[in-house]
C-alpha atoms as a PDB file:
ATOM      1  CA  MET A   1      68.346  82.440 119.505  1.00  0.00           C
ATOM      2  CA  ASN A   2      66.093  84.736 117.530  1.00  0.00           C
ATOM      3  CA  MET A   3      66.205  83.836 113.836  1.00  0.00           C
ATOM      4  CA  LYS A   4      65.078  87.017 112.086  1.00  0.00           C
ATOM      5  CA  ALA A   5      65.626  87.066 108.338  1.00  0.00           C
ATOM      6  CA  ASN A   6      69.005  88.575 107.467  1.00  0.00           C
ATOM      7  CA  VAL A   7      69.480  87.327 103.881  1.00  0.00           C
ATOM      8  CA  GLY A   8      68.024  89.584 101.193  1.00  0.00           C
ATOM      9  CA  ILE A   9      66.582  88.620  97.822  1.00  0.00           C
ATOM     10  CA  ILE A  10      69.756  89.273  95.798  1.00  0.00           C
ATOM     11  CA  ASP A  11      71.907  87.498  98.394  1.00  0.00           C
ATOM     12  CA  ARG A  12      69.439  84.618  98.383  1.00  0.00           C
ATOM     13  CA  GLY A  13      69.466  84.317  94.590  1.00  0.00           C
ATOM     14  CA  MET A  14      73.257  84.386  94.457  1.00  0.00           C
ATOM     15  CA  ARG A  15      73.483  81.644  97.090  1.00  0.00           C
ATOM     16  CA  ILE A  16      71.052  79.394  95.232  1.00  0.00           C
ATOM     17  CA  LEU A  17      72.763  80.071  91.888  1.00  0.00           C
ATOM     18  CA  ALA A  18      76.189  79.296  93.388  1.00  0.00           C
ATOM     19  CA  ALA A  19      74.833  76.052  94.868  1.00  0.00           C
ATOM     20  CA  PHE A  20      73.412  75.086  91.475  1.00  0.00           C
ATOM     21  CA  VAL A  21      76.715  75.807  89.687  1.00  0.00           C
ATOM     22  CA  ILE A  22      78.723  73.860  92.277  1.00  0.00           C
ATOM     23  CA  THR A  23      76.355  70.895  91.987  1.00  0.00           C
ATOM     24  CA  VAL A  24      76.555  70.871  88.174  1.00  0.00           C
ATOM     25  CA  LEU A  25      80.364  71.116  88.259  1.00  0.00           C
ATOM     26  CA  TYR A  26      80.523  68.215  90.709  1.00  0.00           C
ATOM     27  CA  LEU A  27      78.084  66.034  88.762  1.00  0.00           C
ATOM     28  CA  THR A  28      79.983  66.640  85.509  1.00  0.00           C
ATOM     29  CA  GLN A  29      83.200  65.748  87.370  1.00  0.00           C
ATOM     30  CA  ILE A  30      84.851  69.098  86.704  1.00  0.00           C
ATOM     31  CA  ILE A  31      85.469  69.362  90.444  1.00  0.00           C
ATOM     32  CA  THR A  32      86.267  66.122  92.240  1.00  0.00           C
ATOM     33  CA  GLY A  33      87.875  64.686  95.333  1.00  0.00           C
ATOM     34  CA  THR A  34      88.121  66.522  98.620  1.00  0.00           C
ATOM     35  CA  LEU A  35      87.551  69.913  96.999  1.00  0.00           C
ATOM     36  CA  GLY A  36      84.365  68.622  95.393  1.00  0.00           C
ATOM     37  CA  ILE A  37      83.028  67.290  98.678  1.00  0.00           C
ATOM     38  CA  VAL A  38      83.863  70.501 100.547  1.00  0.00           C
ATOM     39  CA  LEU A  39      82.149  72.563  97.844  1.00  0.00           C
ATOM     40  CA  LEU A  40      79.082  70.286  97.917  1.00  0.00           C
ATOM     41  CA  VAL A  41      78.783  70.826 101.670  1.00  0.00           C
ATOM     42  CA  LEU A  42      79.064  74.562 101.037  1.00  0.00           C
ATOM     43  CA  ALA A  43      76.359  74.262  98.352  1.00  0.00           C
ATOM     44  CA  VAL A  44      74.024  72.573 100.835  1.00  0.00           C
ATOM     45  CA  LEU A  45      74.648  75.382 103.333  1.00  0.00           C
ATOM     46  CA  PHE A  46      73.955  77.963 100.614  1.00  0.00           C
ATOM     47  CA  ILE A  47      70.645  76.272  99.783  1.00  0.00           C
ATOM     48  CA  LEU A  48      69.606  76.040 103.444  1.00  0.00           C
ATOM     49  CA  THR A  49      70.483  79.632 104.288  1.00  0.00           C
ATOM     50  CA  GLY A  50      68.846  80.821 101.083  1.00  0.00           C
ATOM     51  CA  LEU A  51      65.618  78.979 101.800  1.00  0.00           C
ATOM     52  CA  ILE A  52      65.302  79.990 105.451  1.00  0.00           C
ATOM     53  CA  ARG A  53      66.637  83.535 104.762  1.00  0.00           C
ATOM     54  CA  PHE A  54      68.918  83.380 107.786  1.00  0.00           C
ATOM     55  CA  CYS A  55      72.715  83.147 107.893  1.00  0.00           C
ATOM     56  CA  PRO A  56      74.222  82.605 111.363  1.00  0.00           C
ATOM     57  CA  LEU A  57      77.621  83.870 110.174  1.00  0.00           C
ATOM     58  CA  TYR A  58      76.084  87.300 109.563  1.00  0.00           C
ATOM     59  CA  LEU A  59      75.202  87.743 113.262  1.00  0.00           C
ATOM     60  CA  PRO A  60      78.680  88.405 114.735  1.00  0.00           C
ATOM     61  CA  PHE A  61      79.449  90.879 111.949  1.00  0.00           C
ATOM     62  CA  GLY A  62      76.095  92.663 112.083  1.00  0.00           C
ATOM     63  CA  ILE A  63      75.431  92.023 108.389  1.00  0.00           C
ATOM     64  CA  ASN A  64      71.830  92.198 107.223  1.00  0.00           C
ATOM     65  CA  THR A  65      70.935  92.196 103.522  1.00  0.00           C
ATOM     66  CA  TRP A  66      67.215  91.785 104.220  1.00  0.00           C
ATOM     67  CA  ASN A  67      65.051  94.874 103.698  1.00  0.00           C
ATOM     68  CA  LYS A  68      63.967  95.858 107.208  1.00  0.00           C
ATOM     69  CA  ASN A  69      61.093  97.980 105.875  1.00  0.00           C
ATOM     70  CA  LYS A  70      59.084  94.987 104.633  1.00  0.00           C
END
C-alpha cells in the first residue's frame, strides 16, 4: 500500500483539536462510560492520522485534502 499524504493542514488541525477536546472532556468526566471510551479511541485515531498525514478511510472515496502542488 502506498501511503501518500492525503490529509491537508486544515484537516490535520481539526483532527488534532477534536482529539484534544475529546481528551479534556473525558478527563473532566463530562463524557464517561462506553461513549467516553469509544471517543477516546477515535481521538487516538485522529492524532495518528493527523501526525502521519494519511487517512486510510479517504482512499475508497478518493478524498484528498492535501495540496498536491507542494
